[in-house]
Amino acid sequence: MLRIDSADYIKDYLMWLEFDNGVKGVADFSPIVNKPKFSFLKEEDNFIRYGLLDTVYWRVRDSEQHVQEELDLAPEYILEKLMILKNTNNHEHYNFGAK
């Protein structure tokens, strides 16, 4: 089973990811946040509160901060559908512009 070992938020729904199969690069999650199930992530404050446990996940919380739902994507889906730069050495070498 494929796993994500490292995730680092860059900006504008872009994340630097390292997979356990050696692939590393930048994933663009912007297509995902426009899907109804993931619309919670359109707010950057929600998007940047991700966790990592074999894949990237987010916890949807109510007004009292109780977890209502956990959202995630299979690492295979991220690798196949969302990666825009693969097998780069380091995301700091790419100029994504100042936030």
Protein backbone atom coordinates (compact mmCIF):
# COMPACT_ATOMS: atom_id res chain seq x y z
CA MET A 1 0.00 0.00 0.00
CA LEU A 2 1.33 3.42 -0.99
CA ARG A 3 1.89 5.95 1.82
CA ILE A 4 2.72 9.62 2.06
CA ASP A 5 5.66 10.07 4.42
CA SER A 6 5.95 13.86 4.38
CA ALA A 7 3.68 16.81 3.58
CA ASP A 8 4.46 20.51 3.61
CA TYR A 9 1.97 23.23 2.70
CA ILE A 10 3.30 25.71 0.13
CA LYS A 11 0.36 28.03 -0.74
CA ASP A 12 -2.88 28.17 -2.74
CA TYR A 13 -3.76 24.48 -2.17
CA LEU A 14 -0.27 23.34 -3.20
CA MET A 15 1.58 20.80 -1.05
CA TRP A 16 5.04 19.30 -1.25
CA LEU A 17 4.64 15.53 -0.76
CA GLU A 18 7.04 12.64 -0.36
CA PHE A 19 5.72 9.13 -0.94
CA ASP A 20 7.21 5.92 0.45
CA ASN A 21 7.96 4.71 -3.10
CA GLY A 22 10.48 7.55 -3.54
CA VAL A 23 8.27 9.88 -5.57
CA LYS A 24 8.31 13.45 -4.31
CA GLY A 25 6.92 16.65 -5.70
CA VAL A 26 4.10 19.16 -5.64
CA ALA A 27 0.40 18.28 -5.57
CA ASP A 28 -2.32 20.76 -6.48
CA PHE A 29 -5.42 20.17 -4.34
CA SER A 30 -7.44 23.03 -5.90
CA PRO A 31 -9.65 20.67 -7.98
CA ILE A 32 -10.64 18.87 -4.78
CA VAL A 33 -11.84 21.88 -2.79
CA ASN A 34 -14.47 22.57 -5.45
CA LYS A 35 -16.15 19.22 -4.85
CA PRO A 36 -19.11 19.47 -2.43
CA LYS A 37 -17.69 16.96 0.07
CA PHE A 38 -14.44 18.95 0.33
CA SER A 39 -15.86 22.49 0.10
CA PHE A 40 -14.96 22.94 3.79
CA LEU A 41 -11.35 23.20 2.60
CA LYS A 42 -11.94 26.27 0.42
CA GLU A 43 -11.11 28.38 3.46
CA GLU A 44 -7.34 28.34 3.66
CA ASP A 45 -7.43 28.24 7.47
CA ASN A 46 -9.22 24.89 7.22
CA PHE A 47 -6.99 23.56 4.45
CA ILE A 48 -3.74 24.24 6.30
CA ARG A 49 -4.96 22.29 9.36
CA TYR A 50 -4.16 18.95 7.78
CA GLY A 51 -2.75 15.88 9.40
CA LEU A 52 -0.60 13.09 8.05
CA LEU A 53 -1.14 9.42 8.77
CA ASP A 54 -0.20 7.44 5.66
CA THR A 55 -2.06 10.14 3.69
CA VAL A 56 -3.13 13.75 4.09
CA TYR A 57 -6.37 14.19 6.05
CA TRP A 58 -8.54 16.96 7.49
CA ARG A 59 -10.96 16.93 10.42
CA VAL A 60 -14.23 18.80 10.02
CA ARG A 61 -15.19 20.29 13.38
CA ASP A 62 -18.38 21.87 14.65
CA SER A 63 -18.55 25.22 16.46
CA GLU A 64 -17.52 23.53 19.72
CA GLN A 65 -14.50 21.95 17.98
CA HIS A 66 -15.89 18.41 18.10
CA VAL A 67 -14.79 16.29 15.14
CA GLN A 68 -17.79 15.72 12.87
CA GLU A 69 -16.05 14.04 9.97
CA GLU A 70 -12.59 13.12 8.74
CA LEU A 71 -11.75 13.76 5.08
CA ASP A 72 -8.89 12.15 3.22
CA LEU A 73 -7.77 11.05 -0.22
CA ALA A 74 -6.02 7.82 -1.14
CA PRO A 75 -2.31 8.36 -1.75
CA GLU A 76 -2.72 6.58 -5.10
CA TYR A 77 -5.35 9.15 -6.16
CA ILE A 78 -3.13 12.04 -5.11
CA LEU A 79 -0.16 10.59 -6.98
CA GLU A 80 -2.14 9.88 -10.16
CA LYS A 81 -4.50 12.87 -10.32
CA LEU A 82 -3.06 15.80 -8.34
CA MET A 83 0.72 15.77 -8.77
CA ILE A 84 1.89 18.69 -10.96
CA LEU A 85 5.64 18.35 -10.37
CA LYS A 86 7.18 14.93 -9.75
CA ASN A 87 10.60 13.75 -8.68
CA THR A 88 11.95 17.18 -7.96
CA ASN A 89 14.69 17.51 -5.38
CA ASN A 90 13.21 20.20 -3.19
CA HIS A 91 10.19 22.49 -3.39
CA GLU A 92 12.29 25.46 -2.28
CA HIS A 93 13.95 25.46 -5.72
CA TYR A 94 10.63 26.36 -7.35
CA ASN A 95 9.31 29.90 -7.22
CA PHE A 96 5.62 29.71 -6.48
CA GLY A 97 5.52 33.42 -5.67
CA ALA A 98 5.14 35.14 -2.36
CA LYS A 99 1.93 34.56 -0.52
